[in-house]
Amino acid sequence: MMMQQKQLSKQSQLIDQSFSNGIMLNAIAALENLAFYYGYNGKRIFDYYSGYAKRTSENELVNAAIIQLEIFRNSHLNYSSIYEEYNFPKNLSKEQIIKTIKDWKKVVPQANKEFYQEILNYLNGNSDFSGISETINQKKKEWGPTTKKDLERIGRNAPFINTQMFNQMEIVKENYDKNGNYEIMANLNKNREDDIDMQRLNQYEQQFSQQEMNFRIVEKKLNSFFEHLIMTRTLKNSDVEEVKQLVVSFRNLINGIGFEEVEIKQKISLFKNYKENIKTIFIDKNALNFFSSICDEIISIYLKKDFSSNC
């Protein structure tokens, strides 16, 4: 019984180490990206963990570094508080990491050297204190509050992340059960494209970005359609079919698109105004009823995006 508990305890530690090491490597990769942006002339070692921040955007790279550092600080602090000593991947020692980070730090502008010193502090066991808290607070002001759109994005990505975490746990468990041990290894000198899970997530994000772009185009066309209809007070034979097709596209594309409550209210108010203006245009009841029903349908679709709306 005692042996079984010891084995389970070791297995749990390996799982925790696997997750924490992954977080550490994400932070290191973010700093590597930033160093290369500032002209570091060496070999990429941690590209596998670098994510998809735009490498031509200093602001995006800095933001990624700040976020990853804070996540790693909490992970390192939590792991160390449970297991006393922080454990590193079998093929990557603390000394190797520190040497590499010090090399990067040499090429980074003075204003951003603090990020590299910060991770050195964590690696040396001082993760109970954030030396960049003022920078983090300033960035939070720039980022603003978490929006509904942010939350919906997290919700979309959650299944991918949960699956990745589950698979990671299963790899540790299966290998530990088979061999009675398991060595955590870092994926070094590989490309970010080699991370299949991240590739899938990135492709999904790109597909969604394209969907959102298409939706905004359709949304704009609907607004233009009704504004033109009200302004010209004329109706072509093709208008009925055109607006029908736009509404079908609108309904199909809106799924997953994030809106703030104030935006929903503005859009609903706009189509209520269209509906009122249409009443002054058409004498023919069939045309009046058709375009009024289109406005009602669009309002209904918007309302389903925000159940708390009182519009």
C-alpha atoms as a PDB file:
ATOM      1  CA  MET A   1       0.000   0.000   0.000  1.00  0.00           C
ATOM      2  CA  MET A   2       2.845   2.320   0.961  1.00  0.00           C
ATOM      3  CA  MET A   3       4.663   1.554  -2.302  1.00  0.00           C
ATOM      4  CA  GLN A   4       1.496   2.227  -4.299  1.00  0.00           C
ATOM      5  CA  GLN A   5       1.050   5.613  -2.610  1.00  0.00           C
ATOM      6  CA  LYS A   6       4.681   6.462  -3.303  1.00  0.00           C
ATOM      7  CA  GLN A   7       4.256   5.544  -6.976  1.00  0.00           C
ATOM      8  CA  LEU A   8       1.102   7.646  -7.283  1.00  0.00           C
ATOM      9  CA  SER A   9       2.875  10.540  -5.559  1.00  0.00           C
ATOM     10  CA  LYS A  10       5.787  10.323  -8.014  1.00  0.00           C
ATOM     11  CA  GLN A  11       3.394  10.084 -10.947  1.00  0.00           C
ATOM     12  CA  SER A  12       1.521  13.176  -9.744  1.00  0.00           C
ATOM     13  CA  GLN A  13       4.787  15.071  -9.405  1.00  0.00           C
ATOM     14  CA  LEU A  14       5.796  14.140 -12.945  1.00  0.00           C
ATOM     15  CA  ILE A  15       2.434  15.358 -14.267  1.00  0.00           C
ATOM     16  CA  ASP A  16       2.830  18.653 -12.373  1.00  0.00           C
ATOM     17  CA  GLN A  17       6.399  18.994 -13.608  1.00  0.00           C
ATOM     18  CA  SER A  18       5.324  18.340 -17.188  1.00  0.00           C
ATOM     19  CA  PHE A  19       2.738  21.130 -17.040  1.00  0.00           C
ATOM     20  CA  SER A  20       5.034  23.576 -15.226  1.00  0.00           C
ATOM     21  CA  ASN A  21       7.977  22.887 -17.540  1.00  0.00           C
ATOM     22  CA  GLY A  22       5.709  23.520 -20.517  1.00  0.00           C
ATOM     23  CA  ILE A  23       4.710  26.892 -19.032  1.00  0.00           C
ATOM     24  CA  MET A  24       8.375  27.697 -18.364  1.00  0.00           C
ATOM     25  CA  LEU A  25       9.305  26.869 -21.963  1.00  0.00           C
ATOM     26  CA  ASN A  26       6.489  29.091 -23.261  1.00  0.00           C
ATOM     27  CA  ALA A  27       7.954  31.985 -21.243  1.00  0.00           C
ATOM     28  CA  ILE A  28      11.486  31.274 -22.444  1.00  0.00           C
ATOM     29  CA  ALA A  29      10.288  31.100 -26.053  1.00  0.00           C
ATOM     30  CA  ALA A  30       8.523  34.463 -25.685  1.00  0.00           C
ATOM     31  CA  LEU A  31      11.814  35.992 -24.516  1.00  0.00           C
ATOM     32  CA  GLU A  32      13.631  34.286 -27.382  1.00  0.00           C
ATOM     33  CA  ASN A  33      11.242  35.867 -29.882  1.00  0.00           C
ATOM     34  CA  LEU A  34      11.849  39.272 -28.330  1.00  0.00           C
ATOM     35  CA  ALA A  35      15.637  38.823 -28.421  1.00  0.00           C
ATOM     36  CA  PHE A  36      15.509  37.908 -32.121  1.00  0.00           C
ATOM     37  CA  TYR A  37      13.339  40.975 -32.772  1.00  0.00           C
ATOM     38  CA  TYR A  38      16.120  43.118 -31.271  1.00  0.00           C
ATOM     39  CA  GLY A  39      18.747  41.519 -33.486  1.00  0.00           C
ATOM     40  CA  TYR A  40      20.025  38.473 -31.642  1.00  0.00           C
ATOM     41  CA  ASN A  41      22.093  36.535 -34.166  1.00  0.00           C
ATOM     42  CA  GLY A  42      22.032  32.941 -33.083  1.00  0.00           C
ATOM     43  CA  LYS A  43      20.021  29.762 -33.407  1.00  0.00           C
ATOM     44  CA  ARG A  44      16.416  29.461 -32.335  1.00  0.00           C
ATOM     45  CA  ILE A  45      16.266  26.774 -29.645  1.00  0.00           C
ATOM     46  CA  PHE A  46      12.748  27.161 -28.213  1.00  0.00           C
ATOM     47  CA  ASP A  47      10.723  27.927 -31.347  1.00  0.00           C
ATOM     48  CA  TYR A  48       8.492  24.893 -30.699  1.00  0.00           C
ATOM     49  CA  TYR A  49       6.973  26.780 -27.748  1.00  0.00           C
ATOM     50  CA  SER A  50       6.845  30.244 -29.265  1.00  0.00           C
ATOM     51  CA  GLY A  51       3.144  30.501 -30.133  1.00  0.00           C
ATOM     52  CA  TYR A  52       1.897  32.810 -32.888  1.00  0.00           C
ATOM     53  CA  ALA A  53       2.501  36.388 -31.739  1.00  0.00           C
ATOM     54  CA  LYS A  54       3.502  38.527 -34.745  1.00  0.00           C
ATOM     55  CA  ARG A  55       7.287  38.522 -34.850  1.00  0.00           C
ATOM     56  CA  THR A  56       7.315  41.883 -36.614  1.00  0.00           C
ATOM     57  CA  SER A  57       5.315  43.573 -33.837  1.00  0.00           C
ATOM     58  CA  GLU A  58       7.368  44.716 -30.838  1.00  0.00           C
ATOM     59  CA  ASN A  59       4.206  45.414 -28.843  1.00  0.00           C
ATOM     60  CA  GLU A  60       2.774  41.926 -29.415  1.00  0.00           C
ATOM     61  CA  LEU A  61       6.077  40.279 -28.488  1.00  0.00           C
ATOM     62  CA  VAL A  62       6.398  42.365 -25.321  1.00  0.00           C
ATOM     63  CA  ASN A  63       2.802  41.584 -24.361  1.00  0.00           C
ATOM     64  CA  ALA A  64       3.394  37.865 -24.915  1.00  0.00           C
ATOM     65  CA  ALA A  65       6.552  37.984 -22.780  1.00  0.00           C
ATOM     66  CA  ILE A  66       4.771  39.771 -19.913  1.00  0.00           C
ATOM     67  CA  ILE A  67       1.818  37.360 -19.927  1.00  0.00           C
ATOM     68  CA  GLN A  68       4.006  34.259 -20.107  1.00  0.00           C
ATOM     69  CA  LEU A  69       6.334  35.518 -17.359  1.00  0.00           C
ATOM     70  CA  GLU A  70       3.452  36.097 -14.960  1.00  0.00           C
ATOM     71  CA  ILE A  71       1.951  32.673 -15.706  1.00  0.00           C
ATOM     72  CA  PHE A  72       5.342  31.031 -15.162  1.00  0.00           C
ATOM     73  CA  ARG A  73       5.945  32.947 -11.930  1.00  0.00           C
ATOM     74  CA  ASN A  74       2.729  31.542 -10.464  1.00  0.00           C
ATOM     75  CA  SER A  75       3.453  28.057 -11.812  1.00  0.00           C
ATOM     76  CA  HIS A  76       7.008  28.052 -10.433  1.00  0.00           C
ATOM     77  CA  LEU A  77       5.839  29.345  -7.051  1.00  0.00           C
ATOM     78  CA  ASN A  78       3.081  26.722  -6.837  1.00  0.00           C
ATOM     79  CA  TYR A  79       5.340  23.832  -7.886  1.00  0.00           C
ATOM     80  CA  SER A  80       8.155  24.868  -5.543  1.00  0.00           C
ATOM     81  CA  SER A  81       5.788  25.246  -2.593  1.00  0.00           C
ATOM     82  CA  ILE A  82       4.642  21.629  -3.053  1.00  0.00           C
ATOM     83  CA  TYR A  83       7.887  19.897  -4.048  1.00  0.00           C
ATOM     84  CA  GLU A  84      10.431  22.282  -2.461  1.00  0.00           C
ATOM     85  CA  GLU A  85      12.865  22.124  -5.386  1.00  0.00           C
ATOM     86  CA  TYR A  86      11.963  23.038  -8.963  1.00  0.00           C
ATOM     87  CA  ASN A  87      12.670  20.218 -11.424  1.00  0.00           C
ATOM     88  CA  PHE A  88      13.865  20.894 -14.974  1.00  0.00           C
ATOM     89  CA  PRO A  89      13.578  18.781 -18.148  1.00  0.00           C
ATOM     90  CA  LYS A  90      16.109  15.956 -18.454  1.00  0.00           C
ATOM     91  CA  ASN A  91      17.706  17.526 -21.538  1.00  0.00           C
ATOM     92  CA  LEU A  92      17.711  21.135 -20.322  1.00  0.00           C
ATOM     93  CA  SER A  93      19.423  22.172 -17.087  1.00  0.00           C
ATOM     94  CA  LYS A  94      18.870  25.359 -15.138  1.00  0.00           C
ATOM     95  CA  GLU A  95      22.443  26.392 -15.930  1.00  0.00           C
ATOM     96  CA  GLN A  96      21.869  26.016 -19.693  1.00  0.00           C
ATOM     97  CA  ILE A  97      18.743  28.151 -19.540  1.00  0.00           C
ATOM     98  CA  ILE A  98      20.417  30.866 -17.475  1.00  0.00           C
ATOM     99  CA  LYS A  99      23.407  31.071 -19.838  1.00  0.00           C
ATOM    100  CA  THR A 100      21.118  31.380 -22.876  1.00  0.00           C
ATOM    101  CA  ILE A 101      18.946  34.049 -21.267  1.00  0.00           C
ATOM    102  CA  LYS A 102      22.011  36.076 -20.289  1.00  0.00           C
ATOM    103  CA  ASP A 103      23.185  35.937 -23.925  1.00  0.00           C
ATOM    104  CA  TRP A 104      19.797  37.257 -25.107  1.00  0.00           C
ATOM    105  CA  LYS A 105      19.771  39.958 -22.459  1.00  0.00           C
ATOM    106  CA  LYS A 106      22.946  41.508 -23.926  1.00  0.00           C
ATOM    107  CA  VAL A 107      21.201  42.555 -27.177  1.00  0.00           C
ATOM    108  CA  VAL A 108      17.935  43.766 -25.629  1.00  0.00           C
ATOM    109  CA  PRO A 109      17.344  47.518 -25.055  1.00  0.00           C
ATOM    110  CA  GLN A 110      17.744  48.663 -21.454  1.00  0.00           C
ATOM    111  CA  ALA A 111      13.999  49.245 -21.041  1.00  0.00           C
ATOM    112  CA  ASN A 112      13.220  45.570 -21.677  1.00  0.00           C
ATOM    113  CA  LYS A 113      16.162  43.930 -19.916  1.00  0.00           C
ATOM    114  CA  GLU A 114      13.924  43.673 -16.834  1.00  0.00           C
ATOM    115  CA  PHE A 115      11.980  40.801 -18.454  1.00  0.00           C
ATOM    116  CA  TYR A 116      15.143  38.718 -18.758  1.00  0.00           C
ATOM    117  CA  GLN A 117      16.234  39.524 -15.222  1.00  0.00           C
ATOM    118  CA  GLU A 118      12.752  38.597 -14.059  1.00  0.00           C
ATOM    119  CA  ILE A 119      12.895  35.038 -15.357  1.00  0.00           C
ATOM    120  CA  LEU A 120      16.430  34.677 -13.983  1.00  0.00           C
ATOM    121  CA  ASN A 121      15.013  35.554 -10.577  1.00  0.00           C
ATOM    122  CA  TYR A 122      12.339  32.866 -10.899  1.00  0.00           C
ATOM    123  CA  LEU A 123      14.825  30.248 -12.062  1.00  0.00           C
ATOM    124  CA  ASN A 124      16.961  31.025  -9.021  1.00  0.00           C
ATOM    125  CA  GLY A 125      13.989  30.370  -6.753  1.00  0.00           C
ATOM    126  CA  ASN A 126      12.625  33.886  -6.245  1.00  0.00           C
ATOM    127  CA  SER A 127       9.176  33.490  -7.803  1.00  0.00           C
ATOM    128  CA  ASP A 128       7.311  34.741  -4.716  1.00  0.00           C
ATOM    129  CA  PHE A 129       7.857  38.343  -5.836  1.00  0.00           C
ATOM    130  CA  SER A 130       7.142  40.092  -9.137  1.00  0.00           C
ATOM    131  CA  GLY A 131       9.749  42.630 -10.110  1.00  0.00           C
ATOM    132  CA  ILE A 132       7.681  43.769 -13.107  1.00  0.00           C
ATOM    133  CA  SER A 133       4.397  44.391 -11.261  1.00  0.00           C
ATOM    134  CA  GLU A 134       4.359  48.077 -12.281  1.00  0.00           C
ATOM    135  CA  THR A 135       4.878  47.125 -15.920  1.00  0.00           C
ATOM    136  CA  ILE A 136       2.097  44.531 -15.657  1.00  0.00           C
ATOM    137  CA  ASN A 137      -0.289  47.068 -14.106  1.00  0.00           C
ATOM    138  CA  GLN A 138       0.511  49.580 -16.837  1.00  0.00           C
ATOM    139  CA  LYS A 139      -0.133  46.963 -19.506  1.00  0.00           C
ATOM    140  CA  LYS A 140      -3.442  46.031 -17.877  1.00  0.00           C
ATOM    141  CA  LYS A 141      -4.538  49.654 -18.272  1.00  0.00           C
ATOM    142  CA  GLU A 142      -3.583  49.506 -21.966  1.00  0.00           C
ATOM    143  CA  TRP A 143      -5.395  46.194 -22.470  1.00  0.00           C
ATOM    144  CA  GLY A 144      -8.517  47.405 -20.666  1.00  0.00           C
ATOM    145  CA  PRO A 145     -11.105  45.171 -18.983  1.00  0.00           C
ATOM    146  CA  THR A 146     -11.868  41.660 -20.171  1.00  0.00           C
ATOM    147  CA  THR A 147     -14.621  41.861 -22.764  1.00  0.00           C
ATOM    148  CA  LYS A 148     -17.336  39.435 -23.731  1.00  0.00           C
ATOM    149  CA  LYS A 149     -15.431  38.901 -26.979  1.00  0.00           C
ATOM    150  CA  ASP A 150     -12.350  37.870 -24.966  1.00  0.00           C
ATOM    151  CA  LEU A 151     -14.417  35.399 -22.948  1.00  0.00           C
ATOM    152  CA  GLU A 152     -15.973  33.896 -26.069  1.00  0.00           C
ATOM    153  CA  ARG A 153     -12.517  33.407 -27.546  1.00  0.00           C
ATOM    154  CA  ILE A 154     -11.413  31.608 -24.377  1.00  0.00           C
ATOM    155  CA  GLY A 155     -14.538  29.461 -24.614  1.00  0.00           C
ATOM    156  CA  ARG A 156     -13.763  28.561 -28.235  1.00  0.00           C
ATOM    157  CA  ASN A 157     -10.194  27.582 -27.417  1.00  0.00           C
ATOM    158  CA  ALA A 158     -10.967  25.691 -24.201  1.00  0.00           C
ATOM    159  CA  PRO A 159     -11.704  22.318 -25.895  1.00  0.00           C
ATOM    160  CA  PHE A 160      -8.313  22.402 -27.657  1.00  0.00           C
ATOM    161  CA  ILE A 161      -6.471  23.277 -24.452  1.00  0.00           C
ATOM    162  CA  ASN A 162      -8.344  20.682 -22.377  1.00  0.00           C
ATOM    163  CA  THR A 163      -7.600  17.969 -24.946  1.00  0.00           C
ATOM    164  CA  GLN A 164      -3.925  18.936 -25.016  1.00  0.00           C
ATOM    165  CA  MET A 165      -3.704  18.802 -21.202  1.00  0.00           C
ATOM    166  CA  PHE A 166      -5.477  15.443 -21.072  1.00  0.00           C
ATOM    167  CA  ASN A 167      -3.143  13.980 -23.707  1.00  0.00           C
ATOM    168  CA  GLN A 168      -0.132  15.304 -21.818  1.00  0.00           C
ATOM    169  CA  MET A 169      -1.323  13.631 -18.614  1.00  0.00           C
ATOM    170  CA  GLU A 170      -1.967  10.352 -20.392  1.00  0.00           C
ATOM    171  CA  ILE A 171       1.535  10.309 -21.901  1.00  0.00           C
ATOM    172  CA  VAL A 172       3.080  10.688 -18.444  1.00  0.00           C
ATOM    173  CA  LYS A 173       0.785   8.068 -16.883  1.00  0.00           C
ATOM    174  CA  GLU A 174       1.243   5.473 -19.625  1.00  0.00           C
ATOM    175  CA  ASN A 175       5.020   5.791 -19.671  1.00  0.00           C
ATOM    176  CA  TYR A 176       5.292   5.786 -15.896  1.00  0.00           C
ATOM    177  CA  ASP A 177       3.078   2.706 -15.606  1.00  0.00           C
ATOM    178  CA  LYS A 178       5.109   0.959 -18.288  1.00  0.00           C
ATOM    179  CA  ASN A 179       8.606   1.852 -17.108  1.00  0.00           C
ATOM    180  CA  GLY A 180       8.150   2.800 -13.468  1.00  0.00           C
ATOM    181  CA  ASN A 181       9.570   6.197 -14.308  1.00  0.00           C
ATOM    182  CA  TYR A 182       9.331   8.979 -16.876  1.00  0.00           C
ATOM    183  CA  GLU A 183      11.778  11.667 -17.936  1.00  0.00           C
ATOM    184  CA  ILE A 184      10.364  15.069 -18.894  1.00  0.00           C
ATOM    185  CA  MET A 185      12.041  16.161 -22.136  1.00  0.00           C
ATOM    186  CA  ALA A 186      11.934  19.591 -23.766  1.00  0.00           C
ATOM    187  CA  ASN A 187      11.318  19.877 -27.516  1.00  0.00           C
ATOM    188  CA  LEU A 188      14.473  21.775 -28.431  1.00  0.00           C
ATOM    189  CA  ASN A 189      15.687  22.966 -31.857  1.00  0.00           C
ATOM    190  CA  LYS A 190      12.291  22.303 -33.430  1.00  0.00           C
ATOM    191  CA  ASN A 191       9.985  24.650 -35.326  1.00  0.00           C
ATOM    192  CA  ARG A 192       6.706  25.923 -33.933  1.00  0.00           C
ATOM    193  CA  GLU A 193       5.010  24.189 -36.855  1.00  0.00           C
ATOM    194  CA  ASP A 194       6.097  20.873 -35.301  1.00  0.00           C
ATOM    195  CA  ASP A 195       3.655  21.454 -32.438  1.00  0.00           C
ATOM    196  CA  ILE A 196       0.612  19.786 -34.010  1.00  0.00           C
ATOM    197  CA  ASP A 197      -1.790  20.890 -31.260  1.00  0.00           C
ATOM    198  CA  MET A 198      -0.722  24.525 -31.599  1.00  0.00           C
ATOM    199  CA  GLN A 199      -0.959  24.251 -35.373  1.00  0.00           C
ATOM    200  CA  ARG A 200      -4.556  23.054 -35.106  1.00  0.00           C
ATOM    201  CA  LEU A 201      -5.429  25.825 -32.676  1.00  0.00           C
ATOM    202  CA  ASN A 202      -3.801  28.434 -34.915  1.00  0.00           C
ATOM    203  CA  GLN A 203      -5.633  27.123 -37.990  1.00  0.00           C
ATOM    204  CA  TYR A 204      -8.904  27.217 -36.067  1.00  0.00           C
ATOM    205  CA  GLU A 205      -8.211  30.817 -35.011  1.00  0.00           C
ATOM    206  CA  GLN A 206      -7.401  31.781 -38.604  1.00  0.00           C
ATOM    207  CA  GLN A 207     -10.612  30.162 -39.846  1.00  0.00           C
ATOM    208  CA  PHE A 208     -12.600  32.007 -37.208  1.00  0.00           C
ATOM    209  CA  SER A 209     -10.907  35.313 -38.087  1.00  0.00           C
ATOM    210  CA  GLN A 210     -11.932  34.761 -41.709  1.00  0.00           C
ATOM    211  CA  GLN A 211     -15.485  33.954 -40.593  1.00  0.00           C
ATOM    212  CA  GLU A 212     -15.618  37.134 -38.523  1.00  0.00           C
ATOM    213  CA  MET A 213     -14.334  39.174 -41.472  1.00  0.00           C
ATOM    214  CA  ASN A 214     -16.982  37.644 -43.749  1.00  0.00           C
ATOM    215  CA  PHE A 215     -19.679  38.318 -41.167  1.00  0.00           C
ATOM    216  CA  ARG A 216     -18.722  41.981 -40.869  1.00  0.00           C
ATOM    217  CA  ILE A 217     -18.894  42.306 -44.669  1.00  0.00           C
ATOM    218  CA  VAL A 218     -22.401  40.808 -44.741  1.00  0.00           C
ATOM    219  CA  GLU A 219     -23.480  42.949 -41.784  1.00  0.00           C
ATOM    220  CA  LYS A 220     -22.259  46.067 -43.584  1.00  0.00           C
ATOM    221  CA  LYS A 221     -24.051  45.042 -46.788  1.00  0.00           C
ATOM    222  CA  LEU A 222     -27.324  44.643 -44.875  1.00  0.00           C
ATOM    223  CA  ASN A 223     -26.960  48.108 -43.367  1.00  0.00           C
ATOM    224  CA  SER A 224     -26.128  49.576 -46.777  1.00  0.00           C
ATOM    225  CA  PHE A 225     -29.094  47.768 -48.328  1.00  0.00           C
ATOM    226  CA  PHE A 226     -31.632  49.276 -45.925  1.00  0.00           C
ATOM    227  CA  GLU A 227     -30.046  52.725 -45.955  1.00  0.00           C
ATOM    228  CA  HIS A 228     -30.144  52.745 -49.766  1.00  0.00           C
ATOM    229  CA  LEU A 229     -33.722  51.461 -49.781  1.00  0.00           C
ATOM    230  CA  ILE A 230     -34.873  54.188 -47.392  1.00  0.00           C
ATOM    231  CA  MET A 231     -32.910  56.953 -49.134  1.00  0.00           C
ATOM    232  CA  THR A 232     -33.957  56.139 -52.737  1.00  0.00           C
ATOM    233  CA  ARG A 233     -37.454  54.836 -51.908  1.00  0.00           C
ATOM    234  CA  THR A 234     -37.132  52.511 -54.871  1.00  0.00           C
ATOM    235  CA  LEU A 235     -37.331  48.744 -55.089  1.00  0.00           C
ATOM    236  CA  LYS A 236     -35.786  46.571 -57.819  1.00  0.00           C
ATOM    237  CA  ASN A 237     -36.963  43.061 -58.646  1.00  0.00           C
ATOM    238  CA  SER A 238     -33.640  41.657 -57.509  1.00  0.00           C
ATOM    239  CA  ASP A 239     -33.795  43.331 -54.062  1.00  0.00           C
ATOM    240  CA  VAL A 240     -35.960  40.678 -52.439  1.00  0.00           C
ATOM    241  CA  GLU A 241     -33.673  37.819 -53.428  1.00  0.00           C
ATOM    242  CA  GLU A 242     -30.553  39.802 -52.502  1.00  0.00           C
ATOM    243  CA  VAL A 243     -31.726  40.566 -48.968  1.00  0.00           C
ATOM    244  CA  LYS A 244     -32.865  36.961 -48.466  1.00  0.00           C
ATOM    245  CA  GLN A 245     -29.385  35.685 -49.326  1.00  0.00           C
ATOM    246  CA  LEU A 246     -27.764  38.282 -47.051  1.00  0.00           C
ATOM    247  CA  VAL A 247     -29.909  37.194 -44.107  1.00  0.00           C
ATOM    248  CA  VAL A 248     -29.027  33.515 -44.670  1.00  0.00           C
ATOM    249  CA  SER A 249     -25.320  34.404 -44.673  1.00  0.00           C
ATOM    250  CA  PHE A 250     -25.823  36.655 -41.651  1.00  0.00           C
ATOM    251  CA  ARG A 251     -27.455  33.849 -39.655  1.00  0.00           C
ATOM    252  CA  ASN A 252     -24.828  31.268 -40.628  1.00  0.00           C
ATOM    253  CA  LEU A 253     -21.804  33.476 -39.938  1.00  0.00           C
ATOM    254  CA  ILE A 254     -22.830  35.115 -36.643  1.00  0.00           C
ATOM    255  CA  ASN A 255     -22.253  31.958 -34.604  1.00  0.00           C
ATOM    256  CA  GLY A 256     -19.261  32.457 -32.307  1.00  0.00           C
ATOM    257  CA  ILE A 257     -18.894  36.198 -33.041  1.00  0.00           C
ATOM    258  CA  GLY A 258     -18.450  38.182 -29.813  1.00  0.00           C
ATOM    259  CA  PHE A 259     -20.440  41.342 -29.063  1.00  0.00           C
ATOM    260  CA  GLU A 260     -20.542  43.736 -26.153  1.00  0.00           C
ATOM    261  CA  GLU A 261     -23.993  44.544 -24.773  1.00  0.00           C
ATOM    262  CA  VAL A 262     -23.789  48.186 -25.843  1.00  0.00           C
ATOM    263  CA  GLU A 263     -22.955  47.102 -29.409  1.00  0.00           C
ATOM    264  CA  ILE A 264     -25.929  44.722 -29.502  1.00  0.00           C
ATOM    265  CA  LYS A 265     -28.254  47.496 -28.314  1.00  0.00           C
ATOM    266  CA  GLN A 266     -26.980  49.888 -30.970  1.00  0.00           C
ATOM    267  CA  LYS A 267     -27.472  47.340 -33.749  1.00  0.00           C
ATOM    268  CA  ILE A 268     -30.973  46.438 -32.582  1.00  0.00           C
ATOM    269  CA  SER A 269     -31.878  50.120 -32.344  1.00  0.00           C
ATOM    270  CA  LEU A 270     -30.611  50.635 -35.890  1.00  0.00           C
ATOM    271  CA  PHE A 271     -32.855  47.910 -37.347  1.00  0.00           C
ATOM    272  CA  LYS A 272     -35.829  49.153 -35.335  1.00  0.00           C
ATOM    273  CA  ASN A 273     -35.294  52.524 -37.017  1.00  0.00           C
ATOM    274  CA  TYR A 274     -35.079  50.837 -40.420  1.00  0.00           C
ATOM    275  CA  LYS A 275     -38.400  49.132 -39.703  1.00  0.00           C
ATOM    276  CA  GLU A 276     -40.076  52.417 -38.756  1.00  0.00           C
ATOM    277  CA  ASN A 277     -38.732  54.194 -41.842  1.00  0.00           C
ATOM    278  CA  ILE A 278     -39.900  51.374 -44.121  1.00  0.00           C
ATOM    279  CA  LYS A 279     -43.488  52.050 -43.019  1.00  0.00           C
ATOM    280  CA  THR A 280     -43.289  55.467 -44.676  1.00  0.00           C
ATOM    281  CA  ILE A 281     -42.045  54.023 -47.978  1.00  0.00           C
ATOM    282  CA  PHE A 282     -44.280  51.139 -49.029  1.00  0.00           C
ATOM    283  CA  ILE A 283     -47.972  51.302 -49.749  1.00  0.00           C
ATOM    284  CA  ASP A 284     -47.940  47.699 -50.931  1.00  0.00           C
ATOM    285  CA  LYS A 285     -48.586  45.580 -47.831  1.00  0.00           C
ATOM    286  CA  ASN A 286     -46.708  42.575 -49.143  1.00  0.00           C
ATOM    287  CA  ALA A 287     -43.490  44.588 -49.593  1.00  0.00           C
ATOM    288  CA  LEU A 288     -44.001  46.325 -46.248  1.00  0.00           C
ATOM    289  CA  ASN A 289     -44.563  43.056 -44.407  1.00  0.00           C
ATOM    290  CA  PHE A 290     -41.611  41.379 -46.103  1.00  0.00           C
ATOM    291  CA  PHE A 291     -39.021  44.042 -45.241  1.00  0.00           C
ATOM    292  CA  SER A 292     -40.453  44.517 -41.744  1.00  0.00           C
ATOM    293  CA  SER A 293     -40.135  40.786 -41.135  1.00  0.00           C
ATOM    294  CA  ILE A 294     -36.523  40.901 -42.334  1.00  0.00           C
ATOM    295  CA  CYS A 295     -35.779  43.600 -39.747  1.00  0.00           C
ATOM    296  CA  ASP A 296     -37.532  41.534 -37.061  1.00  0.00           C
ATOM    297  CA  GLU A 297     -35.516  38.457 -38.010  1.00  0.00           C
ATOM    298  CA  ILE A 298     -32.201  40.304 -37.784  1.00  0.00           C
ATOM    299  CA  ILE A 299     -33.200  41.843 -34.432  1.00  0.00           C
ATOM    300  CA  SER A 300     -34.111  38.359 -33.186  1.00  0.00           C
ATOM    301  CA  ILE A 301     -30.726  36.971 -34.231  1.00  0.00           C
ATOM    302  CA  TYR A 302     -28.907  39.800 -32.465  1.00  0.00           C
ATOM    303  CA  LEU A 303     -30.970  39.279 -29.312  1.00  0.00           C
ATOM    304  CA  LYS A 304     -29.929  35.626 -29.162  1.00  0.00           C
ATOM    305  CA  LYS A 305     -26.323  36.809 -28.875  1.00  0.00           C
ATOM    306  CA  ASP A 306     -27.023  38.592 -25.588  1.00  0.00           C
ATOM    307  CA  PHE A 307     -29.694  37.068 -23.336  1.00  0.00           C
ATOM    308  CA  SER A 308     -29.175  39.778 -20.741  1.00  0.00           C
ATOM    309  CA  SER A 309     -30.173  42.511 -23.191  1.00  0.00           C
ATOM    310  CA  ASN A 310     -33.270  44.503 -22.299  1.00  0.00           C
ATOM    311  CA  CYS A 311     -33.734  45.915 -25.789  1.00  0.00           C
END
